[in-house]
């Protein structure tokens, strides 16, 4: 079960500044660093009225940061799989 403790802006909306609704990744939290790219690569934002502003370079930057913070086999595996999926995109 996923519980949002803090109210988050809808996908594609800003948090009052110029940052997209991927602020957990922007803040450097591991869950955001892998979660935002996962949802972006899975097409989760495809039906949003405003697609979150994240290009391939930004997703790669998130995943590179996550790679440096990965603690343990499963976190490293997740980052590896997401980087492979990102590399396979056009």
N, C-alpha and C. Protein backbone atom coordinates (compact mmCIF):
# COMPACT_ATOMS: atom_id res chain seq x y z
N UNK A 1 0.83 -1.16 0.00
CA UNK A 1 0.00 0.00 0.00
C UNK A 1 0.89 1.24 0.00
N UNK A 2 0.52 2.23 -0.79
CA UNK A 2 1.26 3.48 -0.86
C UNK A 2 0.45 4.55 -0.16
N UNK A 3 1.10 5.26 0.75
CA UNK A 3 0.44 6.33 1.48
C UNK A 3 1.24 7.60 1.26
N UNK A 4 0.58 8.63 0.77
CA UNK A 4 1.20 9.94 0.62
C UNK A 4 1.01 10.70 1.92
N UNK A 5 2.10 11.00 2.57
CA UNK A 5 2.04 11.74 3.82
C UNK A 5 1.90 13.23 3.55
N UNK A 6 2.64 13.73 2.59
CA UNK A 6 2.58 15.14 2.22
C UNK A 6 1.77 15.30 0.95
N UNK A 7 1.00 16.34 0.83
CA UNK A 7 0.27 16.56 -0.42
C UNK A 7 1.27 16.85 -1.54
N UNK A 8 1.16 16.12 -2.63
CA UNK A 8 2.05 16.31 -3.77
C UNK A 8 1.28 16.95 -4.90
N UNK A 9 1.95 17.74 -5.71
CA UNK A 9 1.26 18.32 -6.87
C UNK A 9 0.94 17.22 -7.86
N UNK A 10 -0.09 17.41 -8.63
CA UNK A 10 -0.44 16.43 -9.66
C UNK A 10 0.70 16.35 -10.67
N UNK A 11 0.82 15.21 -11.31
CA UNK A 11 1.89 15.03 -12.30
C UNK A 11 1.83 16.14 -13.33
N UNK A 12 2.98 16.70 -13.61
CA UNK A 12 3.06 17.77 -14.58
C UNK A 12 2.85 19.15 -13.99
N UNK A 13 2.44 19.21 -12.75
CA UNK A 13 2.23 20.49 -12.10
C UNK A 13 3.50 20.88 -11.36
N UNK A 14 3.63 22.12 -11.04
CA UNK A 14 4.81 22.55 -10.32
C UNK A 14 4.51 22.67 -8.84
N UNK A 15 5.54 22.75 -8.05
CA UNK A 15 5.38 22.89 -6.60
C UNK A 15 5.43 24.35 -6.18
N UNK A 16 5.07 25.23 -7.09
CA UNK A 16 5.09 26.65 -6.80
C UNK A 16 6.29 27.33 -7.41
N UNK A 17 7.28 26.56 -7.83
CA UNK A 17 8.46 27.10 -8.49
C UNK A 17 8.55 26.53 -9.88
N UNK A 18 9.75 26.20 -10.30
CA UNK A 18 9.92 25.67 -11.64
C UNK A 18 10.14 24.16 -11.61
N UNK A 19 10.08 23.54 -10.46
CA UNK A 19 10.38 22.13 -10.35
C UNK A 19 9.14 21.29 -10.68
N UNK A 20 9.31 20.23 -11.48
CA UNK A 20 8.19 19.37 -11.84
C UNK A 20 7.79 18.49 -10.66
N UNK A 21 6.72 17.77 -10.83
CA UNK A 21 6.25 16.87 -9.78
C UNK A 21 7.16 15.65 -9.73
N UNK A 22 8.39 15.83 -9.52
CA UNK A 22 9.39 14.80 -9.32
C UNK A 22 10.29 15.33 -8.23
N UNK A 23 9.68 16.09 -7.34
CA UNK A 23 10.48 16.82 -6.36
C UNK A 23 11.23 15.90 -5.41
N UNK A 24 10.75 14.68 -5.20
CA UNK A 24 11.48 13.74 -4.36
C UNK A 24 12.81 13.38 -5.02
N UNK A 25 12.79 13.20 -6.33
CA UNK A 25 14.04 12.93 -7.06
C UNK A 25 14.94 14.15 -7.04
N UNK A 26 14.37 15.31 -7.24
CA UNK A 26 15.15 16.55 -7.23
C UNK A 26 15.79 16.77 -5.86
N UNK A 27 15.06 16.36 -4.81
CA UNK A 27 15.59 16.50 -3.45
C UNK A 27 16.66 15.46 -3.14
N UNK A 28 16.82 14.47 -4.02
CA UNK A 28 17.87 13.47 -3.84
C UNK A 28 17.48 12.25 -3.03
N UNK A 29 16.19 12.07 -2.78
CA UNK A 29 15.74 10.88 -2.04
C UNK A 29 15.83 9.67 -2.96
N UNK A 30 16.36 8.56 -2.43
CA UNK A 30 16.55 7.38 -3.27
C UNK A 30 15.25 6.92 -3.92
N UNK A 31 14.17 6.91 -3.16
CA UNK A 31 12.88 6.47 -3.71
C UNK A 31 12.47 7.33 -4.90
N UNK A 32 12.70 8.62 -4.83
CA UNK A 32 12.39 9.51 -5.93
C UNK A 32 13.35 9.36 -7.09
N UNK A 33 14.62 9.12 -6.76
CA UNK A 33 15.64 8.98 -7.81
C UNK A 33 15.39 7.77 -8.70
N UNK A 34 14.76 6.74 -8.15
CA UNK A 34 14.43 5.57 -8.96
C UNK A 34 12.95 5.55 -9.34
N UNK A 35 12.10 6.10 -8.46
CA UNK A 35 10.66 6.07 -8.72
C UNK A 35 10.25 6.95 -9.89
N UNK A 36 10.75 8.18 -9.92
CA UNK A 36 10.37 9.09 -11.00
C UNK A 36 10.79 8.53 -12.36
N UNK A 37 12.05 8.08 -12.53
CA UNK A 37 12.41 7.46 -13.82
C UNK A 37 11.58 6.22 -14.14
N UNK A 38 11.29 5.41 -13.12
CA UNK A 38 10.47 4.21 -13.35
C UNK A 38 9.11 4.59 -13.93
N UNK A 39 8.44 5.54 -13.30
CA UNK A 39 7.13 5.93 -13.79
C UNK A 39 7.20 6.62 -15.15
N UNK A 40 8.22 7.42 -15.36
CA UNK A 40 8.39 8.08 -16.66
C UNK A 40 8.63 7.06 -17.76
N UNK A 41 9.49 6.08 -17.50
CA UNK A 41 9.81 5.06 -18.50
C UNK A 41 8.67 4.07 -18.71
N UNK A 42 7.81 3.92 -17.72
CA UNK A 42 6.68 3.00 -17.82
C UNK A 42 5.47 3.64 -18.49
N UNK A 43 5.59 4.91 -18.84
CA UNK A 43 4.49 5.60 -19.51
C UNK A 43 3.41 6.10 -18.58
N UNK A 44 3.70 6.13 -17.31
CA UNK A 44 2.71 6.54 -16.30
C UNK A 44 2.20 7.96 -16.54
N UNK A 45 3.03 8.80 -17.11
CA UNK A 45 2.66 10.19 -17.32
C UNK A 45 2.08 10.45 -18.71
N UNK A 46 1.97 9.43 -19.53
CA UNK A 46 1.54 9.59 -20.92
C UNK A 46 0.15 10.20 -21.04
N UNK A 47 -0.73 9.90 -20.11
CA UNK A 47 -2.10 10.40 -20.20
C UNK A 47 -2.32 11.70 -19.42
N UNK A 48 -1.26 12.23 -18.84
CA UNK A 48 -1.38 13.48 -18.10
C UNK A 48 -1.59 14.65 -19.05
N UNK A 49 -2.39 15.59 -18.61
CA UNK A 49 -2.62 16.78 -19.44
C UNK A 49 -1.31 17.51 -19.69
N UNK A 50 -0.48 17.56 -18.67
CA UNK A 50 0.83 18.18 -18.80
C UNK A 50 1.87 17.15 -18.36
N UNK A 51 2.65 16.66 -19.29
CA UNK A 51 3.66 15.66 -18.96
C UNK A 51 4.75 16.30 -18.10
N UNK A 52 5.16 15.62 -17.02
CA UNK A 52 6.24 16.17 -16.20
C UNK A 52 7.48 16.45 -17.05
N UNK A 53 8.11 17.56 -16.78
CA UNK A 53 9.27 17.97 -17.55
C UNK A 53 10.51 17.20 -17.11
N UNK A 54 10.77 16.08 -17.76
CA UNK A 54 11.97 15.29 -17.48
C UNK A 54 12.43 14.67 -18.79
N UNK A 55 13.57 15.09 -19.25
CA UNK A 55 14.08 14.50 -20.48
C UNK A 55 15.03 13.35 -20.14
N UNK A 56 15.51 12.70 -21.16
CA UNK A 56 16.36 11.52 -20.98
C UNK A 56 17.62 11.85 -20.17
N UNK A 57 18.19 13.02 -20.39
CA UNK A 57 19.39 13.41 -19.65
C UNK A 57 19.10 13.59 -18.16
N UNK A 58 17.95 14.18 -17.85
CA UNK A 58 17.59 14.37 -16.45
C UNK A 58 17.33 13.02 -15.77
N UNK A 59 16.64 12.11 -16.48
CA UNK A 59 16.40 10.78 -15.92
C UNK A 59 17.72 10.06 -15.68
N UNK A 60 18.65 10.19 -16.63
CA UNK A 60 19.97 9.57 -16.46
C UNK A 60 20.70 10.15 -15.26
N UNK A 61 20.57 11.44 -15.05
CA UNK A 61 21.21 12.09 -13.90
C UNK A 61 20.63 11.55 -12.59
N UNK A 62 19.30 11.41 -12.54
CA UNK A 62 18.67 10.84 -11.36
C UNK A 62 19.21 9.43 -11.09
N UNK A 63 19.28 8.62 -12.14
CA UNK A 63 19.73 7.24 -11.97
C UNK A 63 21.21 7.16 -11.62
N UNK A 64 22.02 8.04 -12.15
CA UNK A 64 23.44 8.06 -11.79
C UNK A 64 23.62 8.41 -10.31
N UNK A 65 22.82 9.35 -9.84
CA UNK A 65 22.87 9.70 -8.42
C UNK A 65 22.40 8.53 -7.57
N UNK A 66 21.33 7.88 -8.01
CA UNK A 66 20.81 6.71 -7.28
C UNK A 66 21.85 5.59 -7.23
N UNK A 67 22.59 5.42 -8.32
CA UNK A 67 23.62 4.38 -8.37
C UNK A 67 24.66 4.61 -7.27
N UNK A 68 25.03 5.85 -7.05
CA UNK A 68 26.00 6.17 -6.03
C UNK A 68 25.47 6.02 -4.61
N UNK A 69 24.15 6.04 -4.47
CA UNK A 69 23.53 5.93 -3.15
C UNK A 69 22.93 4.56 -2.87
N UNK A 70 22.94 3.70 -3.87
CA UNK A 70 22.33 2.37 -3.71
C UNK A 70 23.04 1.60 -2.61
N UNK A 71 22.24 1.07 -1.70
CA UNK A 71 22.78 0.30 -0.58
C UNK A 71 22.23 -1.12 -0.66
N UNK A 72 23.01 -1.99 -1.15
CA UNK A 72 22.57 -3.38 -1.20
C UNK A 72 22.28 -3.85 -2.61
N UNK A 73 22.18 -5.16 -2.70
CA UNK A 73 22.01 -5.83 -4.00
C UNK A 73 20.76 -5.37 -4.73
N UNK A 74 19.62 -5.35 -4.07
CA UNK A 74 18.37 -5.06 -4.76
C UNK A 74 18.27 -3.61 -5.22
N UNK A 75 18.79 -2.70 -4.47
CA UNK A 75 18.80 -1.31 -4.93
C UNK A 75 19.71 -1.16 -6.14
N UNK A 76 20.89 -1.80 -6.10
CA UNK A 76 21.80 -1.73 -7.26
C UNK A 76 21.16 -2.39 -8.48
N UNK A 77 20.47 -3.51 -8.27
CA UNK A 77 19.80 -4.20 -9.37
C UNK A 77 18.72 -3.33 -9.99
N UNK A 78 17.93 -2.68 -9.15
CA UNK A 78 16.88 -1.79 -9.64
C UNK A 78 17.46 -0.67 -10.49
N UNK A 79 18.52 -0.05 -10.01
CA UNK A 79 19.16 1.04 -10.77
C UNK A 79 19.70 0.50 -12.09
N UNK A 80 20.34 -0.65 -12.07
CA UNK A 80 20.88 -1.26 -13.28
C UNK A 80 19.77 -1.49 -14.31
N UNK A 81 18.65 -2.05 -13.86
CA UNK A 81 17.53 -2.34 -14.77
C UNK A 81 16.93 -1.05 -15.34
N UNK A 82 16.78 -0.03 -14.52
CA UNK A 82 16.23 1.23 -15.01
C UNK A 82 17.18 1.91 -15.99
N UNK A 83 18.48 1.83 -15.72
CA UNK A 83 19.44 2.43 -16.65
C UNK A 83 19.42 1.69 -17.99
N UNK A 84 19.26 0.37 -17.96
CA UNK A 84 19.16 -0.40 -19.19
C UNK A 84 17.90 -0.03 -19.96
N UNK A 85 16.80 0.13 -19.25
CA UNK A 85 15.54 0.52 -19.89
C UNK A 85 15.65 1.91 -20.50
N UNK A 86 16.30 2.83 -19.79
CA UNK A 86 16.49 4.18 -20.32
C UNK A 86 17.37 4.17 -21.56
N UNK A 87 18.42 3.39 -21.54
CA UNK A 87 19.32 3.29 -22.70
C UNK A 87 18.63 2.73 -23.93
N UNK A 88 17.61 1.91 -23.71
CA UNK A 88 16.89 1.28 -24.82
C UNK A 88 15.82 2.19 -25.43
N UNK A 89 15.57 3.35 -24.81
CA UNK A 89 14.57 4.27 -25.34
C UNK A 89 15.16 5.09 -26.47
N UNK A 90 14.28 5.60 -27.31
CA UNK A 90 14.73 6.43 -28.45
C UNK A 90 15.00 7.83 -28.01
